[in-house]
C-alpha atoms as a PDB file:
ATOM      1  CA  MET A   1      91.169  40.114 155.304  1.00  0.00           C
ATOM      2  CA  SER A   2      94.644  40.690 156.658  1.00  0.00           C
ATOM      3  CA  SER A   3      96.505  43.930 156.063  1.00  0.00           C
ATOM      4  CA  GLU A   4      99.872  42.174 156.321  1.00  0.00           C
ATOM      5  CA  LEU A   5     102.016  41.731 153.250  1.00  0.00           C
ATOM      6  CA  ALA A   6     101.772  38.398 151.480  1.00  0.00           C
ATOM      7  CA  TRP A   7     105.041  37.530 149.751  1.00  0.00           C
ATOM      8  CA  PHE A   8     105.190  35.649 146.474  1.00  0.00           C
ATOM      9  CA  LYS A   9     108.411  34.349 144.937  1.00  0.00           C
ATOM     10  CA  SER A  10     108.891  34.990 141.244  1.00  0.00           C
ATOM     11  CA  SER A  11     108.201  32.034 138.971  1.00  0.00           C
ATOM     12  CA  HIS A  12     111.555  32.857 137.316  1.00  0.00           C
ATOM     13  CA  SER A  13     113.516  31.979 140.469  1.00  0.00           C
ATOM     14  CA  SER A  14     115.749  28.957 140.627  1.00  0.00           C
ATOM     15  CA  ASN A  15     115.426  26.374 143.400  1.00  0.00           C
ATOM     16  CA  GLU A  16     118.559  27.854 144.968  1.00  0.00           C
ATOM     17  CA  GLY A  17     116.888  31.262 145.266  1.00  0.00           C
ATOM     18  CA  GLY A  18     118.893  32.947 142.524  1.00  0.00           C
ATOM     19  CA  GLU A  19     117.459  35.771 140.439  1.00  0.00           C
ATOM     20  CA  CYS A  20     114.262  35.916 142.457  1.00  0.00           C
ATOM     21  CA  VAL A  21     111.926  38.800 143.040  1.00  0.00           C
ATOM     22  CA  GLU A  22     109.410  38.876 145.831  1.00  0.00           C
ATOM     23  CA  VAL A  23     106.415  41.164 145.824  1.00  0.00           C
ATOM     24  CA  GLY A  24     104.416  42.065 148.911  1.00  0.00           C
ATOM     25  CA  TRP A  25     100.748  42.827 148.378  1.00  0.00           C
ATOM     26  CA  ARG A  26      98.841  44.981 150.844  1.00  0.00           C
ATOM     27  CA  THR A  27      95.108  45.504 150.972  1.00  0.00           C
ATOM     28  CA  SER A  28      93.646  48.976 150.662  1.00  0.00           C
ATOM     29  CA  ALA A  29      92.957  50.709 153.978  1.00  0.00           C
ATOM     30  CA  HIS A  30      89.547  51.653 152.534  1.00  0.00           C
ATOM     31  CA  SER A  31      88.417  48.039 152.161  1.00  0.00           C
ATOM     32  CA  GLY A  32      85.294  47.057 154.011  1.00  0.00           C
ATOM     33  CA  PRO A  33      85.344  44.495 156.836  1.00  0.00           C
ATOM     34  CA  ASP A  34      83.846  41.908 154.471  1.00  0.00           C
ATOM     35  CA  GLY A  35      86.700  42.415 151.987  1.00  0.00           C
ATOM     36  CA  GLY A  36      84.339  43.706 149.308  1.00  0.00           C
ATOM     37  CA  GLU A  37      85.326  46.120 146.559  1.00  0.00           C
ATOM     38  CA  CYS A  38      88.967  46.326 147.532  1.00  0.00           C
ATOM     39  CA  VAL A  39      92.260  46.397 145.740  1.00  0.00           C
ATOM     40  CA  GLU A  40      95.712  45.240 146.707  1.00  0.00           C
ATOM     41  CA  VAL A  41      98.872  47.166 145.937  1.00  0.00           C
ATOM     42  CA  ALA A  42     102.482  46.008 145.704  1.00  0.00           C
ATOM     43  CA  GLU A  43     105.333  48.479 145.313  1.00  0.00           C
ATOM     44  CA  THR A  44     108.788  47.894 143.899  1.00  0.00           C
ATOM     45  CA  THR A  45     111.478  50.440 143.125  1.00  0.00           C
ATOM     46  CA  SER A  46     110.406  50.628 139.476  1.00  0.00           C
ATOM     47  CA  ALA A  47     106.669  49.853 139.485  1.00  0.00           C
ATOM     48  CA  VAL A  48     103.452  49.853 141.469  1.00  0.00           C
ATOM     49  CA  LEU A  49     101.160  46.887 140.841  1.00  0.00           C
ATOM     50  CA  VAL A  50      97.410  46.950 141.544  1.00  0.00           C
ATOM     51  CA  ARG A  51      95.044  43.969 141.512  1.00  0.00           C
ATOM     52  CA  ASP A  52      91.545  42.953 142.576  1.00  0.00           C
ATOM     53  CA  SER A  53      91.805  41.253 145.966  1.00  0.00           C
ATOM     54  CA  LYS A  54      88.942  38.916 145.050  1.00  0.00           C
ATOM     55  CA  ASP A  55      90.808  37.669 141.948  1.00  0.00           C
ATOM     56  CA  GLN A  56      94.413  37.447 143.110  1.00  0.00           C
ATOM     57  CA  SER A  57      95.517  35.229 140.230  1.00  0.00           C
ATOM     58  CA  GLY A  58      93.814  37.484 137.689  1.00  0.00           C
ATOM     59  CA  PRO A  59      95.250  40.444 135.795  1.00  0.00           C
ATOM     60  CA  HIS A  60      96.927  43.401 137.441  1.00  0.00           C
ATOM     61  CA  LEU A  61      97.670  46.984 136.448  1.00  0.00           C
ATOM     62  CA  THR A  62     101.228  48.336 136.423  1.00  0.00           C
ATOM     63  CA  PHE A  63     102.062  51.986 137.053  1.00  0.00           C
ATOM     64  CA  THR A  64     105.302  53.925 137.301  1.00  0.00           C
ATOM     65  CA  PRO A  65     105.835  55.237 140.836  1.00  0.00           C
ATOM     66  CA  ALA A  66     105.323  58.823 139.551  1.00  0.00           C
ATOM     67  CA  ALA A  67     102.025  57.935 137.848  1.00  0.00           C
ATOM     68  CA  TRP A  68     100.802  56.152 140.990  1.00  0.00           C
ATOM     69  CA  GLU A  69     101.717  59.139 143.185  1.00  0.00           C
ATOM     70  CA  ALA A  70      99.837  61.456 140.811  1.00  0.00           C
ATOM     71  CA  PHE A  71      96.786  59.172 140.888  1.00  0.00           C
ATOM     72  CA  VAL A  72      96.773  58.976 144.700  1.00  0.00           C
ATOM     73  CA  ALA A  73      97.199  62.755 144.993  1.00  0.00           C
ATOM     74  CA  PHE A  74      94.305  63.310 142.580  1.00  0.00           C
ATOM     75  CA  THR A  75      91.973  60.951 144.455  1.00  0.00           C
ATOM     76  CA  ARG A  76      92.808  62.586 147.788  1.00  0.00           C
ATOM     77  CA  SER A  77      91.987  66.022 146.402  1.00  0.00           C
ATOM     78  CA  ALA A  78      88.628  64.947 144.890  1.00  0.00           C
END
């Protein structure tokens, strides 16, 4: 699985590119070589999105940047 960002244009964009948002997903650095049990994260200025890399069209979680930073800090200290 690639660690490069995959960009997706918002479904609310016009054909001329107006009002579009693009989100870049990146795979967790802790993912195994077979891509098992990993998550992908996309960060914007107002939210951090997390999804299952094996179900990319499935649901995702949304965090505020502060909540995500607190979560990451907690997991690093555990």
